[in-house]
N, C-alpha and C. Protein backbone atom coordinates (compact mmCIF):
# COMPACT_ATOMS: atom_id res chain seq x y z
N MET A 1 59.00 -83.68 -79.25
CA MET A 1 58.27 -84.65 -78.41
C MET A 1 57.61 -83.95 -77.22
N GLY A 2 58.37 -82.99 -76.64
CA GLY A 2 57.84 -82.27 -75.49
C GLY A 2 56.64 -81.44 -75.86
N GLU A 3 56.69 -80.83 -77.06
CA GLU A 3 55.56 -80.02 -77.53
C GLU A 3 54.33 -80.90 -77.75
N PHE A 4 54.55 -82.10 -78.29
CA PHE A 4 53.44 -83.03 -78.51
C PHE A 4 52.79 -83.41 -77.19
N ARG A 5 53.60 -83.66 -76.18
CA ARG A 5 53.05 -84.02 -74.86
C ARG A 5 52.26 -82.88 -74.26
N ARG A 6 52.77 -81.66 -74.44
CA ARG A 6 52.04 -80.51 -73.90
C ARG A 6 50.69 -80.34 -74.59
N GLU A 7 50.67 -80.51 -75.90
CA GLU A 7 49.41 -80.41 -76.64
C GLU A 7 48.44 -81.52 -76.23
N SER A 8 49.00 -82.73 -76.04
CA SER A 8 48.16 -83.85 -75.61
C SER A 8 47.56 -83.58 -74.24
N ALA A 9 48.38 -82.98 -73.36
CA ALA A 9 47.90 -82.65 -72.01
C ALA A 9 46.78 -81.62 -72.07
N LYS A 10 46.92 -80.62 -72.95
CA LYS A 10 45.89 -79.59 -73.08
C LYS A 10 44.58 -80.18 -73.61
N ILE A 11 44.72 -81.08 -74.59
CA ILE A 11 43.52 -81.72 -75.14
C ILE A 11 42.84 -82.56 -74.08
N ARG A 12 43.64 -83.27 -73.27
CA ARG A 12 43.08 -84.10 -72.21
C ARG A 12 42.37 -83.24 -71.18
N GLU A 13 42.98 -82.11 -70.80
CA GLU A 13 42.36 -81.21 -69.83
C GLU A 13 41.03 -80.67 -70.37
N PHE A 14 41.02 -80.29 -71.65
CA PHE A 14 39.80 -79.77 -72.25
C PHE A 14 38.70 -80.84 -72.27
N ALA A 15 39.10 -82.07 -72.56
CA ALA A 15 38.12 -83.17 -72.60
C ALA A 15 37.53 -83.42 -71.22
N ILE A 16 38.39 -83.41 -70.19
CA ILE A 16 37.91 -83.62 -68.82
C ILE A 16 36.99 -82.48 -68.40
N ALA A 17 37.39 -81.24 -68.71
CA ALA A 17 36.58 -80.08 -68.35
C ALA A 17 35.22 -80.12 -69.06
N SER A 18 35.22 -80.53 -70.32
CA SER A 18 33.96 -80.63 -71.08
C SER A 18 33.04 -81.67 -70.46
N LEU A 19 33.62 -82.80 -70.06
CA LEU A 19 32.83 -83.86 -69.43
C LEU A 19 32.23 -83.37 -68.11
N LEU A 20 33.04 -82.70 -67.30
CA LEU A 20 32.55 -82.19 -66.03
C LEU A 20 31.48 -81.12 -66.24
N ALA A 21 31.64 -80.29 -67.27
CA ALA A 21 30.63 -79.27 -67.58
C ALA A 21 29.30 -79.93 -67.94
N ALA A 22 29.38 -81.00 -68.72
CA ALA A 22 28.15 -81.71 -69.08
C ALA A 22 27.48 -82.30 -67.85
N VAL A 23 28.29 -82.82 -66.93
CA VAL A 23 27.75 -83.40 -65.70
C VAL A 23 27.07 -82.32 -64.85
N ILE A 24 27.66 -81.13 -64.81
CA ILE A 24 27.08 -80.03 -64.04
C ILE A 24 25.68 -79.70 -64.55
N PHE A 25 25.54 -79.58 -65.87
CA PHE A 25 24.23 -79.25 -66.43
C PHE A 25 23.25 -80.41 -66.26
N LEU A 26 23.74 -81.64 -66.39
CA LEU A 26 22.87 -82.80 -66.19
C LEU A 26 22.35 -82.83 -64.76
N MET A 27 23.23 -82.59 -63.80
CA MET A 27 22.82 -82.60 -62.39
C MET A 27 21.87 -81.45 -62.07
N THR A 28 22.10 -80.31 -62.69
CA THR A 28 21.28 -79.13 -62.40
C THR A 28 19.83 -79.33 -62.83
N PHE A 29 19.65 -79.96 -63.98
CA PHE A 29 18.31 -80.05 -64.56
C PHE A 29 17.66 -81.42 -64.43
N THR A 30 18.25 -82.30 -63.62
CA THR A 30 17.66 -83.61 -63.34
C THR A 30 17.76 -83.89 -61.85
N PRO A 31 17.01 -84.86 -61.35
CA PRO A 31 17.05 -85.18 -59.91
C PRO A 31 18.36 -85.80 -59.44
N ILE A 32 19.25 -86.21 -60.36
CA ILE A 32 20.48 -86.87 -59.91
C ILE A 32 21.44 -85.90 -59.23
N GLY A 33 21.12 -84.61 -59.28
CA GLY A 33 21.95 -83.64 -58.59
C GLY A 33 21.69 -83.57 -57.11
N PHE A 34 20.82 -84.45 -56.62
CA PHE A 34 20.47 -84.43 -55.21
C PHE A 34 20.52 -85.85 -54.64
N ILE A 35 20.95 -85.96 -53.39
CA ILE A 35 21.00 -87.25 -52.71
C ILE A 35 20.10 -87.20 -51.48
N ASN A 36 19.22 -88.16 -51.36
CA ASN A 36 18.32 -88.22 -50.21
C ASN A 36 19.07 -88.77 -49.00
N LEU A 37 19.24 -87.92 -47.99
CA LEU A 37 19.90 -88.33 -46.75
C LEU A 37 18.88 -88.54 -45.63
N VAL A 38 17.66 -88.89 -46.01
CA VAL A 38 16.54 -89.15 -45.09
C VAL A 38 16.02 -87.84 -44.50
N VAL A 39 16.91 -87.12 -43.80
CA VAL A 39 16.47 -85.88 -43.16
C VAL A 39 16.37 -84.75 -44.18
N ILE A 40 17.35 -84.68 -45.11
CA ILE A 40 17.38 -83.61 -46.11
C ILE A 40 17.77 -84.20 -47.47
N ASN A 41 17.59 -83.39 -48.52
CA ASN A 41 18.13 -83.71 -49.83
C ASN A 41 19.40 -82.90 -50.03
N ALA A 42 20.54 -83.58 -50.04
CA ALA A 42 21.82 -82.89 -50.19
C ALA A 42 22.12 -82.70 -51.67
N THR A 43 22.48 -81.47 -52.04
CA THR A 43 22.84 -81.20 -53.43
C THR A 43 24.29 -81.59 -53.68
N ILE A 44 24.56 -82.16 -54.85
CA ILE A 44 25.94 -82.51 -55.21
C ILE A 44 26.31 -81.87 -56.54
N VAL A 45 25.56 -80.85 -56.96
CA VAL A 45 25.84 -80.19 -58.23
C VAL A 45 27.22 -79.55 -58.22
N HIS A 46 27.68 -79.10 -57.07
CA HIS A 46 28.98 -78.45 -56.99
C HIS A 46 30.15 -79.43 -56.98
N VAL A 47 29.88 -80.72 -56.84
CA VAL A 47 30.95 -81.71 -56.76
C VAL A 47 31.81 -81.74 -58.03
N PRO A 48 31.23 -81.73 -59.25
CA PRO A 48 32.09 -81.70 -60.44
C PRO A 48 33.00 -80.47 -60.49
N VAL A 49 32.54 -79.35 -59.96
CA VAL A 49 33.38 -78.15 -59.91
C VAL A 49 34.58 -78.39 -58.99
N ILE A 50 34.31 -79.00 -57.84
CA ILE A 50 35.38 -79.29 -56.88
C ILE A 50 36.39 -80.27 -57.48
N ILE A 51 35.90 -81.31 -58.11
CA ILE A 51 36.78 -82.29 -58.73
C ILE A 51 37.62 -81.64 -59.83
N GLY A 52 36.97 -80.81 -60.65
CA GLY A 52 37.71 -80.11 -61.70
C GLY A 52 38.78 -79.20 -61.15
N SER A 53 38.49 -78.54 -60.05
CA SER A 53 39.47 -77.65 -59.42
C SER A 53 40.70 -78.43 -58.97
N ILE A 54 40.48 -79.56 -58.32
CA ILE A 54 41.61 -80.35 -57.79
C ILE A 54 42.43 -80.98 -58.91
N ILE A 55 41.74 -81.51 -59.92
CA ILE A 55 42.42 -82.22 -60.99
C ILE A 55 43.05 -81.28 -62.01
N LEU A 56 42.33 -80.22 -62.39
CA LEU A 56 42.75 -79.36 -63.49
C LEU A 56 43.35 -78.04 -63.06
N GLY A 57 43.15 -77.65 -61.80
CA GLY A 57 43.70 -76.39 -61.32
C GLY A 57 42.63 -75.32 -61.17
N PRO A 58 42.98 -74.20 -60.55
CA PRO A 58 41.99 -73.16 -60.24
C PRO A 58 41.44 -72.44 -61.46
N GLY A 59 42.21 -72.40 -62.56
CA GLY A 59 41.71 -71.73 -63.76
C GLY A 59 40.52 -72.45 -64.36
N TRP A 60 40.69 -73.75 -64.62
CA TRP A 60 39.58 -74.55 -65.12
C TRP A 60 38.49 -74.63 -64.07
N GLY A 61 38.89 -74.71 -62.80
CA GLY A 61 37.90 -74.79 -61.72
C GLY A 61 36.99 -73.57 -61.71
N ALA A 62 37.58 -72.38 -61.88
CA ALA A 62 36.79 -71.16 -61.91
C ALA A 62 35.83 -71.15 -63.10
N CYS A 63 36.29 -71.66 -64.24
CA CYS A 63 35.42 -71.74 -65.43
C CYS A 63 34.24 -72.68 -65.17
N LEU A 64 34.52 -73.82 -64.55
CA LEU A 64 33.44 -74.76 -64.22
C LEU A 64 32.50 -74.16 -63.19
N GLY A 65 33.05 -73.39 -62.25
CA GLY A 65 32.21 -72.71 -61.27
C GLY A 65 31.29 -71.70 -61.93
N ALA A 66 31.81 -70.99 -62.93
CA ALA A 66 30.99 -70.03 -63.67
C ALA A 66 29.86 -70.74 -64.42
N LEU A 67 30.16 -71.92 -64.96
CA LEU A 67 29.12 -72.71 -65.63
C LEU A 67 28.07 -73.18 -64.63
N PHE A 68 28.52 -73.55 -63.44
CA PHE A 68 27.59 -73.92 -62.37
C PHE A 68 26.66 -72.75 -62.07
N GLY A 69 27.23 -71.54 -61.98
CA GLY A 69 26.41 -70.36 -61.74
C GLY A 69 25.44 -70.10 -62.87
N ALA A 70 25.91 -70.27 -64.11
CA ALA A 70 25.04 -70.06 -65.27
C ALA A 70 23.89 -71.06 -65.28
N ALA A 71 24.18 -72.31 -64.95
CA ALA A 71 23.14 -73.33 -64.91
C ALA A 71 22.11 -73.00 -63.83
N SER A 72 22.59 -72.52 -62.68
CA SER A 72 21.68 -72.13 -61.60
C SER A 72 20.82 -70.94 -62.02
N LEU A 73 21.42 -69.99 -62.73
CA LEU A 73 20.67 -68.82 -63.22
C LEU A 73 19.56 -69.25 -64.17
N ILE A 74 19.88 -70.14 -65.08
CA ILE A 74 18.89 -70.62 -66.06
C ILE A 74 17.76 -71.35 -65.35
N ARG A 75 18.14 -72.25 -64.43
CA ARG A 75 17.11 -73.04 -63.73
C ARG A 75 16.19 -72.15 -62.92
N ASN A 76 16.76 -71.19 -62.21
CA ASN A 76 15.93 -70.32 -61.36
C ASN A 76 15.09 -69.34 -62.17
N THR A 77 15.48 -69.11 -63.42
CA THR A 77 14.69 -68.24 -64.29
C THR A 77 13.56 -69.01 -64.96
N LEU A 78 13.87 -70.21 -65.42
CA LEU A 78 12.87 -71.00 -66.16
C LEU A 78 11.92 -71.76 -65.26
N THR A 79 12.41 -72.24 -64.12
CA THR A 79 11.57 -72.99 -63.18
C THR A 79 11.72 -72.36 -61.79
N PRO A 80 11.17 -71.19 -61.60
CA PRO A 80 11.40 -70.45 -60.36
C PRO A 80 10.75 -71.08 -59.13
N THR A 81 11.40 -70.84 -57.99
CA THR A 81 10.87 -71.21 -56.69
C THR A 81 10.73 -69.93 -55.87
N LEU A 82 10.32 -70.06 -54.63
CA LEU A 82 10.15 -68.88 -53.78
C LEU A 82 11.47 -68.12 -53.59
N LEU A 83 12.59 -68.84 -53.67
CA LEU A 83 13.89 -68.22 -53.41
C LEU A 83 14.64 -67.85 -54.70
N SER A 84 14.02 -68.01 -55.84
CA SER A 84 14.71 -67.77 -57.12
C SER A 84 15.13 -66.32 -57.30
N PHE A 85 14.49 -65.39 -56.60
CA PHE A 85 14.87 -63.99 -56.72
C PHE A 85 16.31 -63.75 -56.27
N ALA A 86 16.85 -64.67 -55.44
CA ALA A 86 18.22 -64.53 -54.95
C ALA A 86 19.25 -65.06 -55.94
N PHE A 87 18.79 -65.73 -57.00
CA PHE A 87 19.70 -66.32 -57.97
C PHE A 87 19.46 -65.86 -59.41
N SER A 88 18.41 -65.09 -59.63
CA SER A 88 18.13 -64.58 -60.97
C SER A 88 17.61 -63.15 -60.88
N PRO A 89 18.29 -62.23 -61.57
CA PRO A 89 17.83 -60.83 -61.54
C PRO A 89 16.53 -60.63 -62.31
N LEU A 90 16.07 -61.66 -63.00
CA LEU A 90 14.81 -61.56 -63.75
C LEU A 90 13.61 -61.90 -62.88
N MET A 91 13.85 -62.41 -61.68
CA MET A 91 12.77 -62.73 -60.76
C MET A 91 12.56 -61.58 -59.78
N PRO A 92 11.34 -61.06 -59.67
CA PRO A 92 11.10 -59.92 -58.77
C PRO A 92 11.33 -60.28 -57.30
N VAL A 93 11.98 -59.38 -56.61
CA VAL A 93 12.21 -59.55 -55.17
C VAL A 93 10.90 -59.30 -54.43
N PRO A 94 10.51 -60.19 -53.51
CA PRO A 94 9.28 -59.98 -52.76
C PRO A 94 9.23 -58.59 -52.12
N GLY A 95 8.10 -57.94 -52.27
CA GLY A 95 7.95 -56.60 -51.75
C GLY A 95 8.33 -55.52 -52.73
N THR A 96 8.85 -55.92 -53.90
CA THR A 96 9.22 -54.96 -54.95
C THR A 96 8.63 -55.46 -56.27
N GLY A 97 8.74 -54.66 -57.28
CA GLY A 97 8.21 -55.07 -58.58
C GLY A 97 9.29 -55.44 -59.57
N SER A 98 10.53 -55.58 -59.09
CA SER A 98 11.64 -55.85 -60.01
C SER A 98 12.66 -56.77 -59.36
N GLY A 99 13.53 -57.30 -60.21
CA GLY A 99 14.61 -58.14 -59.71
C GLY A 99 15.79 -57.31 -59.23
N SER A 100 16.82 -58.00 -58.75
CA SER A 100 18.00 -57.31 -58.23
C SER A 100 19.27 -57.85 -58.87
N ALA A 101 20.17 -56.94 -59.23
CA ALA A 101 21.45 -57.35 -59.81
C ALA A 101 22.31 -58.09 -58.80
N TRP A 102 22.01 -57.93 -57.51
CA TRP A 102 22.75 -58.66 -56.48
C TRP A 102 22.60 -60.17 -56.66
N ALA A 103 21.54 -60.59 -57.31
CA ALA A 103 21.34 -62.02 -57.54
C ALA A 103 22.48 -62.61 -58.36
N LEU A 104 23.06 -61.81 -59.24
CA LEU A 104 24.19 -62.29 -60.05
C LEU A 104 25.41 -62.56 -59.18
N LEU A 105 25.61 -61.73 -58.15
CA LEU A 105 26.72 -61.97 -57.23
C LEU A 105 26.54 -63.28 -56.50
N ILE A 106 25.33 -63.52 -56.00
CA ILE A 106 25.07 -64.77 -55.29
C ILE A 106 25.19 -65.97 -56.22
N CYS A 107 24.73 -65.81 -57.44
CA CYS A 107 24.69 -66.91 -58.40
C CYS A 107 26.09 -67.29 -58.89
N PHE A 108 26.95 -66.28 -59.09
CA PHE A 108 28.26 -66.56 -59.71
C PHE A 108 29.44 -66.48 -58.74
N GLY A 109 29.44 -65.50 -57.84
CA GLY A 109 30.60 -65.30 -56.96
C GLY A 109 31.01 -66.55 -56.18
N PRO A 110 30.12 -67.08 -55.34
CA PRO A 110 30.48 -68.27 -54.56
C PRO A 110 30.82 -69.47 -55.44
N ARG A 111 30.11 -69.64 -56.55
CA ARG A 111 30.31 -70.81 -57.41
C ARG A 111 31.67 -70.77 -58.10
N ILE A 112 32.12 -69.56 -58.48
CA ILE A 112 33.46 -69.44 -59.07
C ILE A 112 34.52 -69.78 -58.03
N LEU A 113 34.32 -69.32 -56.80
CA LEU A 113 35.28 -69.62 -55.74
C LEU A 113 35.28 -71.11 -55.36
N VAL A 114 34.16 -71.79 -55.58
CA VAL A 114 34.12 -73.25 -55.37
C VAL A 114 35.12 -73.93 -56.28
N GLY A 115 35.40 -73.32 -57.43
CA GLY A 115 36.37 -73.88 -58.36
C GLY A 115 37.79 -73.46 -58.08
N VAL A 116 37.99 -72.62 -57.10
CA VAL A 116 39.34 -72.14 -56.77
C VAL A 116 39.83 -72.67 -55.43
N VAL A 117 38.99 -72.58 -54.41
CA VAL A 117 39.38 -72.95 -53.05
C VAL A 117 39.87 -74.39 -52.92
N PRO A 118 39.20 -75.40 -53.51
CA PRO A 118 39.65 -76.79 -53.31
C PRO A 118 41.08 -77.06 -53.76
N TRP A 119 41.49 -76.43 -54.85
CA TRP A 119 42.85 -76.66 -55.36
C TRP A 119 43.88 -76.20 -54.33
N TYR A 120 43.67 -74.99 -53.78
CA TYR A 120 44.60 -74.47 -52.78
C TYR A 120 44.52 -75.26 -51.48
N ALA A 121 43.32 -75.68 -51.12
CA ALA A 121 43.16 -76.47 -49.90
C ALA A 121 43.89 -77.80 -50.02
N ALA A 122 43.75 -78.47 -51.18
CA ALA A 122 44.42 -79.75 -51.39
C ALA A 122 45.93 -79.60 -51.34
N ARG A 123 46.45 -78.55 -51.97
CA ARG A 123 47.89 -78.31 -51.97
C ARG A 123 48.39 -78.01 -50.55
N THR A 124 47.62 -77.22 -49.82
CA THR A 124 48.04 -76.85 -48.46
C THR A 124 48.09 -78.07 -47.55
N PHE A 125 47.03 -78.88 -47.57
CA PHE A 125 47.00 -80.06 -46.72
C PHE A 125 48.05 -81.10 -47.14
N SER A 126 48.26 -81.26 -48.44
CA SER A 126 49.23 -82.23 -48.92
C SER A 126 50.65 -81.84 -48.53
N ALA A 127 50.91 -80.54 -48.46
CA ALA A 127 52.25 -80.07 -48.13
C ALA A 127 52.63 -80.38 -46.68
N ILE A 128 51.63 -80.63 -45.83
CA ILE A 128 51.91 -80.93 -44.43
C ILE A 128 52.63 -82.26 -44.30
N ARG A 129 52.18 -83.26 -45.06
CA ARG A 129 52.82 -84.58 -45.06
C ARG A 129 52.98 -85.05 -46.50
N GLN A 130 54.08 -84.73 -47.08
CA GLN A 130 54.32 -85.10 -48.46
C GLN A 130 54.59 -86.60 -48.58
N ASN A 131 54.14 -87.17 -49.72
CA ASN A 131 54.36 -88.59 -50.02
C ASN A 131 53.69 -89.54 -49.03
N ASP A 132 52.65 -89.08 -48.36
CA ASP A 132 51.87 -89.91 -47.44
C ASP A 132 50.51 -90.16 -48.10
N LYS A 133 50.28 -91.39 -48.59
CA LYS A 133 49.08 -91.69 -49.35
C LYS A 133 47.81 -91.53 -48.52
N LYS A 134 47.84 -91.98 -47.26
CA LYS A 134 46.66 -91.84 -46.42
C LYS A 134 46.35 -90.37 -46.16
N TRP A 135 47.39 -89.60 -45.92
CA TRP A 135 47.18 -88.18 -45.68
C TRP A 135 46.69 -87.48 -46.95
N ARG A 136 47.15 -87.96 -48.11
CA ARG A 136 46.70 -87.38 -49.37
C ARG A 136 45.20 -87.60 -49.53
N PHE A 137 44.71 -88.78 -49.19
CA PHE A 137 43.27 -89.03 -49.26
C PHE A 137 42.53 -88.08 -48.33
N ALA A 138 43.07 -87.89 -47.12
CA ALA A 138 42.44 -86.97 -46.17
C ALA A 138 42.46 -85.55 -46.69
N SER A 139 43.53 -85.17 -47.39
CA SER A 139 43.62 -83.81 -47.93
C SER A 139 42.61 -83.59 -49.05
N LEU A 140 42.36 -84.63 -49.85
CA LEU A 140 41.35 -84.52 -50.90
C LEU A 140 39.95 -84.40 -50.29
N PHE A 141 39.72 -85.15 -49.22
CA PHE A 141 38.44 -85.04 -48.51
C PHE A 141 38.27 -83.63 -47.95
N ALA A 142 39.32 -83.11 -47.33
CA ALA A 142 39.26 -81.76 -46.76
C ALA A 142 39.04 -80.71 -47.84
N ALA A 143 39.64 -80.91 -49.01
CA ALA A 143 39.45 -79.97 -50.11
C ALA A 143 38.00 -79.98 -50.59
N GLY A 144 37.40 -81.17 -50.64
CA GLY A 144 36.00 -81.27 -51.01
C GLY A 144 35.10 -80.56 -50.01
N VAL A 145 35.38 -80.76 -48.74
CA VAL A 145 34.61 -80.09 -47.68
C VAL A 145 34.78 -78.58 -47.78
N ALA A 146 36.01 -78.13 -48.01
CA ALA A 146 36.27 -76.69 -48.10
C ALA A 146 35.53 -76.07 -49.27
N GLY A 147 35.52 -76.76 -50.41
CA GLY A 147 34.81 -76.24 -51.58
C GLY A 147 33.31 -76.15 -51.34
N SER A 148 32.74 -77.18 -50.74
CA SER A 148 31.31 -77.19 -50.48
C SER A 148 30.92 -76.11 -49.47
N MET A 149 31.69 -75.98 -48.41
CA MET A 149 31.37 -74.98 -47.39
C MET A 149 31.58 -73.56 -47.92
N THR A 150 32.50 -73.39 -48.87
CA THR A 150 32.66 -72.09 -49.51
C THR A 150 31.36 -71.66 -50.16
N ASN A 151 30.74 -72.59 -50.87
CA ASN A 151 29.46 -72.31 -51.53
C ASN A 151 28.37 -71.99 -50.51
N THR A 152 28.21 -72.86 -49.52
CA THR A 152 27.13 -72.69 -48.55
C THR A 152 27.28 -71.41 -47.74
N LEU A 153 28.47 -71.18 -47.20
CA LEU A 153 28.68 -70.02 -46.34
C LEU A 153 28.51 -68.71 -47.09
N LEU A 154 29.08 -68.63 -48.30
CA LEU A 154 28.99 -67.38 -49.05
C LEU A 154 27.57 -67.13 -49.55
N VAL A 155 26.93 -68.13 -50.10
CA VAL A 155 25.57 -67.96 -50.61
C VAL A 155 24.64 -67.51 -49.50
N MET A 156 24.68 -68.21 -48.38
CA MET A 156 23.74 -67.91 -47.30
C MET A 156 24.02 -66.56 -46.65
N HIS A 157 25.29 -66.20 -46.51
CA HIS A 157 25.59 -64.92 -45.86
C HIS A 157 25.33 -63.73 -46.78
N ILE A 158 25.63 -63.87 -48.08
CA ILE A 158 25.30 -62.79 -49.00
C ILE A 158 23.78 -62.62 -49.07
N LEU A 159 23.08 -63.76 -49.11
CA LEU A 159 21.61 -63.70 -49.12
C LEU A 159 21.11 -62.97 -47.88
N TYR A 160 21.71 -63.27 -46.72
CA TYR A 160 21.27 -62.62 -45.48
C TYR A 160 21.50 -61.11 -45.53
N PHE A 161 22.69 -60.69 -45.94
CA PHE A 161 23.01 -59.26 -45.92
C PHE A 161 22.27 -58.48 -47.00
N VAL A 162 21.96 -59.11 -48.13
CA VAL A 162 21.33 -58.40 -49.24
C VAL A 162 19.81 -58.53 -49.24
N PHE A 163 19.34 -59.72 -48.92
CA PHE A 163 17.90 -60.00 -49.05
C PHE A 163 17.24 -60.42 -47.73
N LYS A 164 17.72 -59.90 -46.63
CA LYS A 164 17.19 -60.31 -45.33
C LYS A 164 15.68 -60.08 -45.23
N ASP A 165 15.22 -58.90 -45.60
CA ASP A 165 13.80 -58.58 -45.48
C ASP A 165 12.94 -59.43 -46.42
N ALA A 166 13.44 -59.63 -47.65
CA ALA A 166 12.69 -60.44 -48.61
C ALA A 166 12.62 -61.90 -48.15
N TYR A 167 13.72 -62.39 -47.59
CA TYR A 167 13.74 -63.77 -47.09
C TYR A 167 12.78 -63.93 -45.92
N ALA A 168 12.76 -62.92 -45.03
CA ALA A 168 11.83 -62.96 -43.91
C ALA A 168 10.39 -62.98 -44.40
N GLN A 169 10.12 -62.27 -45.47
CA GLN A 169 8.76 -62.20 -46.00
C GLN A 169 8.30 -63.55 -46.55
N ILE A 170 9.15 -64.22 -47.32
CA ILE A 170 8.73 -65.50 -47.89
C ILE A 170 8.65 -66.60 -46.84
N ARG A 171 9.35 -66.40 -45.72
CA ARG A 171 9.30 -67.39 -44.63
C ARG A 171 8.30 -67.01 -43.55
N ASN A 172 7.62 -65.88 -43.74
CA ASN A 172 6.65 -65.38 -42.75
C ASN A 172 7.29 -65.27 -41.37
N ALA A 173 8.45 -64.63 -41.34
CA ALA A 173 9.20 -64.51 -40.08
C ALA A 173 9.62 -63.06 -39.88
N GLN A 174 10.05 -62.75 -38.68
CA GLN A 174 10.60 -61.44 -38.38
C GLN A 174 12.02 -61.33 -38.92
N ALA A 175 12.41 -60.13 -39.31
CA ALA A 175 13.74 -59.93 -39.90
C ALA A 175 14.86 -60.34 -38.95
N ASP A 176 14.65 -60.11 -37.64
CA ASP A 176 15.71 -60.45 -36.70
C ASP A 176 15.84 -61.95 -36.45
N ALA A 177 14.92 -62.73 -37.03
CA ALA A 177 15.01 -64.19 -36.89
C ALA A 177 15.69 -64.85 -38.10
N VAL A 178 16.00 -64.03 -39.10
CA VAL A 178 16.52 -64.60 -40.35
C VAL A 178 17.89 -65.24 -40.16
N TYR A 179 18.77 -64.60 -39.38
CA TYR A 179 20.12 -65.16 -39.25
C TYR A 179 20.09 -66.52 -38.57
N GLY A 180 19.15 -66.70 -37.63
CA GLY A 180 19.00 -68.02 -37.03
C GLY A 180 18.61 -69.06 -38.06
N MET A 181 17.75 -68.67 -39.01
CA MET A 181 17.37 -69.58 -40.10
C MET A 181 18.57 -69.89 -40.98
N VAL A 182 19.37 -68.86 -41.24
CA VAL A 182 20.58 -69.06 -42.06
C VAL A 182 21.51 -70.06 -41.40
N LEU A 183 21.72 -69.91 -40.10
CA LEU A 183 22.60 -70.83 -39.38
C LEU A 183 22.04 -72.25 -39.38
N SER A 184 20.73 -72.38 -39.29
CA SER A 184 20.14 -73.72 -39.30
C SER A 184 20.33 -74.40 -40.65
N ILE A 185 20.27 -73.62 -41.73
CA ILE A 185 20.50 -74.18 -43.06
C ILE A 185 21.96 -74.58 -43.22
N ILE A 186 22.86 -73.74 -42.71
CA ILE A 186 24.29 -74.05 -42.81
C ILE A 186 24.62 -75.34 -42.08
N THR A 187 24.06 -75.51 -40.88
CA THR A 187 24.35 -76.71 -40.11
C THR A 187 23.54 -77.92 -40.59
N GLY A 188 22.27 -77.69 -40.91
CA GLY A 188 21.40 -78.80 -41.29
C GLY A 188 21.62 -79.30 -42.70
N ASN A 189 21.90 -78.38 -43.63
CA ASN A 189 22.13 -78.75 -45.02
C ASN A 189 23.60 -78.70 -45.41
N GLY A 190 24.25 -77.60 -45.02
CA GLY A 190 25.62 -77.37 -45.47
C GLY A 190 26.62 -78.42 -45.01
N ILE A 191 26.53 -78.83 -43.74
CA ILE A 191 27.49 -79.80 -43.23
C ILE A 191 27.33 -81.18 -43.87
N PRO A 192 26.10 -81.73 -43.95
CA PRO A 192 25.96 -83.00 -44.68
C PRO A 192 26.40 -82.91 -46.13
N GLU A 193 26.08 -81.82 -46.81
CA GLU A 193 26.50 -81.65 -48.19
C GLU A 193 28.02 -81.61 -48.30
N ALA A 194 28.68 -80.98 -47.33
CA ALA A 194 30.14 -80.89 -47.34
C ALA A 194 30.76 -82.27 -47.16
N ILE A 195 30.18 -83.08 -46.29
CA ILE A 195 30.70 -84.43 -46.08
C ILE A 195 30.55 -85.27 -47.35
N VAL A 196 29.38 -85.16 -47.98
CA VAL A 196 29.15 -85.88 -49.24
C VAL A 196 30.15 -85.43 -50.30
N ALA A 197 30.36 -84.12 -50.41
CA ALA A 197 31.31 -83.58 -51.38
C ALA A 197 32.72 -84.06 -51.09
N GLY A 198 33.08 -84.12 -49.82
CA GLY A 198 34.41 -84.60 -49.45
C GLY A 198 34.63 -86.04 -49.85
N VAL A 199 33.64 -86.88 -49.63
CA VAL A 199 33.75 -88.30 -50.00
C VAL A 199 33.88 -88.46 -51.51
N PHE A 200 33.03 -87.76 -52.27
CA PHE A 200 33.08 -87.85 -53.72
C PHE A 200 34.41 -87.32 -54.25
N ALA A 201 34.88 -86.20 -53.72
CA ALA A 201 36.13 -85.61 -54.19
C ALA A 201 37.31 -86.52 -53.91
N ALA A 202 37.36 -87.09 -52.71
CA ALA A 202 38.46 -87.98 -52.36
C ALA A 202 38.46 -89.23 -53.22
N ALA A 203 37.27 -89.80 -53.45
CA ALA A 203 37.18 -91.03 -54.25
C ALA A 203 37.55 -90.76 -55.71
N ALA A 204 36.95 -89.72 -56.30
CA ALA A 204 37.17 -89.44 -57.72
C ALA A 204 38.60 -88.96 -57.99
N CYS A 205 39.05 -88.00 -57.21
CA CYS A 205 40.39 -87.45 -57.44
C CYS A 205 41.47 -88.47 -57.08
N GLY A 206 41.22 -89.27 -56.05
CA GLY A 206 42.17 -90.32 -55.70
C GLY A 206 42.31 -91.33 -56.83
N ALA A 207 41.20 -91.68 -57.46
CA ALA A 207 41.23 -92.63 -58.58
C ALA A 207 41.98 -92.04 -59.77
N VAL A 208 41.75 -90.75 -60.06
CA VAL A 208 42.44 -90.10 -61.17
C VAL A 208 43.94 -90.03 -60.91
N GLU A 209 44.32 -89.69 -59.70
CA GLU A 209 45.74 -89.60 -59.37
C GLU A 209 46.41 -90.97 -59.44
N ALA A 210 45.71 -92.02 -59.02
CA ALA A 210 46.26 -93.37 -59.11
C ALA A 210 46.47 -93.76 -60.57
N TYR A 211 45.52 -93.40 -61.42
CA TYR A 211 45.65 -93.69 -62.85
C TYR A 211 46.83 -92.94 -63.45
N ARG A 212 46.99 -91.68 -63.06
CA ARG A 212 48.10 -90.89 -63.57
C ARG A 212 49.45 -91.48 -63.17
N ARG A 213 49.54 -92.00 -61.95
CA ARG A 213 50.79 -92.62 -61.50
C ARG A 213 51.09 -93.87 -62.32
N ARG A 214 50.07 -94.66 -62.59
CA ARG A 214 50.27 -95.88 -63.39
C ARG A 214 50.62 -95.54 -64.84
N ASP A 215 50.02 -94.44 -65.32
CA ASP A 215 50.22 -94.03 -66.71
C ASP A 215 51.56 -93.32 -66.92
N GLY A 216 52.17 -92.99 -65.80
CA GLY A 216 53.46 -92.33 -65.89
C GLY A 216 53.37 -90.83 -66.12
């Protein structure tokens, strides 16, 4: 009986991970991956990765993060923008005639960690006040924020250290002004996106946990 339950649990985890993977690709290649907050368009493509991390653990979370990175690589290769050189080694870096392998680090490194950090954040916050439902909701929100900020902070800082001159060129700015631009993106885009991710993570993961308690 115990073996049957373990197999059922594995099948359920695989089904949830598959569903979240499909949502990641759907969000990446359609407008539903973005929410209009009047001032900016906040991306929520990383939210399924965060949810998967909290519900399924860091192993599945890392796999979903890698899929997020792969989806970003495909999108930036097939439908490039001015900044696609930072996410696809097939896109030439401004000022050069070739792409950079560093783009793979930006594309995959932070996204994989988005699938790891929320699980540990949720466990850490929950351990502060065990069996407190309100605090558990707050811990899920904090885990969502942590996962989102992991993506924003790492992507923007790696981009700054690796592609500072190229970024300055596409923005028609001086190289010493780039870090100020990075900070403005972190505060202007990253913080609203983190709040949105926290709300979605708390709502979705809270609902799943409530269902699990009822299901025994």
